[in-house]
């Protein structure tokens, strides 16, 4: 019996599927932890995939700032 083929997920062309990243701000805090900033792809809103209707280029925006 034939199985239905699932819909193929399209990877976001702006971030190539790597929708979120931690960027170090340099240095460490007083507890020894790296200071980082989390950024998400705005083309796919941090999912790494896109719908057939969406298109465009990725830009990254600052979402949250670590201590």
C-alpha atoms as a PDB file:
ATOM      1  CA  UNK A   1       0.000   0.000   0.000  1.00  0.00           C
ATOM      2  CA  UNK A   2       1.384   3.387  -0.956  1.00  0.00           C
ATOM      3  CA  UNK A   3       2.257   5.850   1.789  1.00  0.00           C
ATOM      4  CA  UNK A   4       1.492   9.542   1.442  1.00  0.00           C
ATOM      5  CA  UNK A   5       4.523  11.698   0.835  1.00  0.00           C
ATOM      6  CA  UNK A   6       4.942  14.386   3.504  1.00  0.00           C
ATOM      7  CA  UNK A   7       5.316  17.968   2.398  1.00  0.00           C
ATOM      8  CA  UNK A   8       8.928  18.972   1.978  1.00  0.00           C
ATOM      9  CA  UNK A   9      10.124  21.661   4.313  1.00  0.00           C
ATOM     10  CA  UNK A  10      11.748  24.582   2.594  1.00  0.00           C
ATOM     11  CA  UNK A  11      14.821  25.898   4.332  1.00  0.00           C
ATOM     12  CA  UNK A  12      14.964  29.660   4.758  1.00  0.00           C
ATOM     13  CA  UNK A  13      17.281  31.093   2.075  1.00  0.00           C
ATOM     14  CA  UNK A  14      18.344  33.918   4.338  1.00  0.00           C
ATOM     15  CA  UNK A  15      19.815  31.854   7.163  1.00  0.00           C
ATOM     16  CA  UNK A  16      20.173  28.389   5.523  1.00  0.00           C
ATOM     17  CA  UNK A  17      18.256  26.814   8.410  1.00  0.00           C
ATOM     18  CA  UNK A  18      20.433  28.282  11.157  1.00  0.00           C
ATOM     19  CA  UNK A  19      17.764  30.638  12.442  1.00  0.00           C
ATOM     20  CA  UNK A  20      19.241  31.552  15.821  1.00  0.00           C
ATOM     21  CA  UNK A  21      22.765  32.325  16.895  1.00  0.00           C
ATOM     22  CA  UNK A  22      24.614  33.271  20.060  1.00  0.00           C
ATOM     23  CA  UNK A  23      27.139  36.028  19.447  1.00  0.00           C
ATOM     24  CA  UNK A  24      29.759  36.751  22.072  1.00  0.00           C
ATOM     25  CA  UNK A  25      30.113  40.354  23.127  1.00  0.00           C
ATOM     26  CA  UNK A  26      33.666  39.816  24.290  1.00  0.00           C
ATOM     27  CA  UNK A  27      34.953  39.303  27.782  1.00  0.00           C
ATOM     28  CA  UNK A  28      33.343  37.558  30.712  1.00  0.00           C
ATOM     29  CA  UNK A  29      31.156  38.668  33.578  1.00  0.00           C
ATOM     30  CA  UNK A  30      32.184  38.590  37.242  1.00  0.00           C
ATOM     31  CA  UNK A  31      31.064  34.924  37.509  1.00  0.00           C
ATOM     32  CA  UNK A  32      33.188  33.836  34.541  1.00  0.00           C
ATOM     33  CA  UNK A  33      30.342  33.401  32.022  1.00  0.00           C
ATOM     34  CA  UNK A  34      30.684  34.603  28.453  1.00  0.00           C
ATOM     35  CA  UNK A  35      28.553  37.620  27.663  1.00  0.00           C
ATOM     36  CA  UNK A  36      26.390  36.736  24.656  1.00  0.00           C
ATOM     37  CA  UNK A  37      23.631  38.188  22.524  1.00  0.00           C
ATOM     38  CA  UNK A  38      20.924  36.008  20.934  1.00  0.00           C
ATOM     39  CA  UNK A  39      19.913  36.941  17.388  1.00  0.00           C
ATOM     40  CA  UNK A  40      17.167  35.452  15.214  1.00  0.00           C
ATOM     41  CA  UNK A  41      16.625  35.560  11.461  1.00  0.00           C
ATOM     42  CA  UNK A  42      13.854  38.036  10.674  1.00  0.00           C
ATOM     43  CA  UNK A  43      13.022  36.393   7.346  1.00  0.00           C
ATOM     44  CA  UNK A  44      11.772  33.214   9.053  1.00  0.00           C
ATOM     45  CA  UNK A  45      11.189  34.588  12.597  1.00  0.00           C
ATOM     46  CA  UNK A  46      13.685  32.118  14.037  1.00  0.00           C
ATOM     47  CA  UNK A  47      12.155  28.902  12.681  1.00  0.00           C
ATOM     48  CA  UNK A  48      14.744  28.064   9.999  1.00  0.00           C
ATOM     49  CA  UNK A  49      12.006  27.239   7.494  1.00  0.00           C
ATOM     50  CA  UNK A  50       9.772  29.259   5.241  1.00  0.00           C
ATOM     51  CA  UNK A  51       6.406  28.903   3.648  1.00  0.00           C
ATOM     52  CA  UNK A  52       5.946  28.802  -0.093  1.00  0.00           C
ATOM     53  CA  UNK A  53       4.441  32.283  -0.043  1.00  0.00           C
ATOM     54  CA  UNK A  54       7.223  33.998   1.900  1.00  0.00           C
ATOM     55  CA  UNK A  55      10.327  35.251   0.186  1.00  0.00           C
ATOM     56  CA  UNK A  56      13.022  37.766   0.802  1.00  0.00           C
ATOM     57  CA  UNK A  57      16.420  38.235   2.266  1.00  0.00           C
ATOM     58  CA  UNK A  58      17.381  37.699   5.883  1.00  0.00           C
ATOM     59  CA  UNK A  59      18.348  40.391   8.254  1.00  0.00           C
ATOM     60  CA  UNK A  60      19.170  39.692  11.857  1.00  0.00           C
ATOM     61  CA  UNK A  61      17.838  41.666  14.779  1.00  0.00           C
ATOM     62  CA  UNK A  62      18.736  41.680  18.421  1.00  0.00           C
ATOM     63  CA  UNK A  63      16.200  39.708  20.430  1.00  0.00           C
ATOM     64  CA  UNK A  64      17.629  39.386  23.931  1.00  0.00           C
ATOM     65  CA  UNK A  65      20.777  40.378  25.711  1.00  0.00           C
ATOM     66  CA  UNK A  66      22.504  38.105  28.188  1.00  0.00           C
ATOM     67  CA  UNK A  67      24.014  39.398  31.377  1.00  0.00           C
END
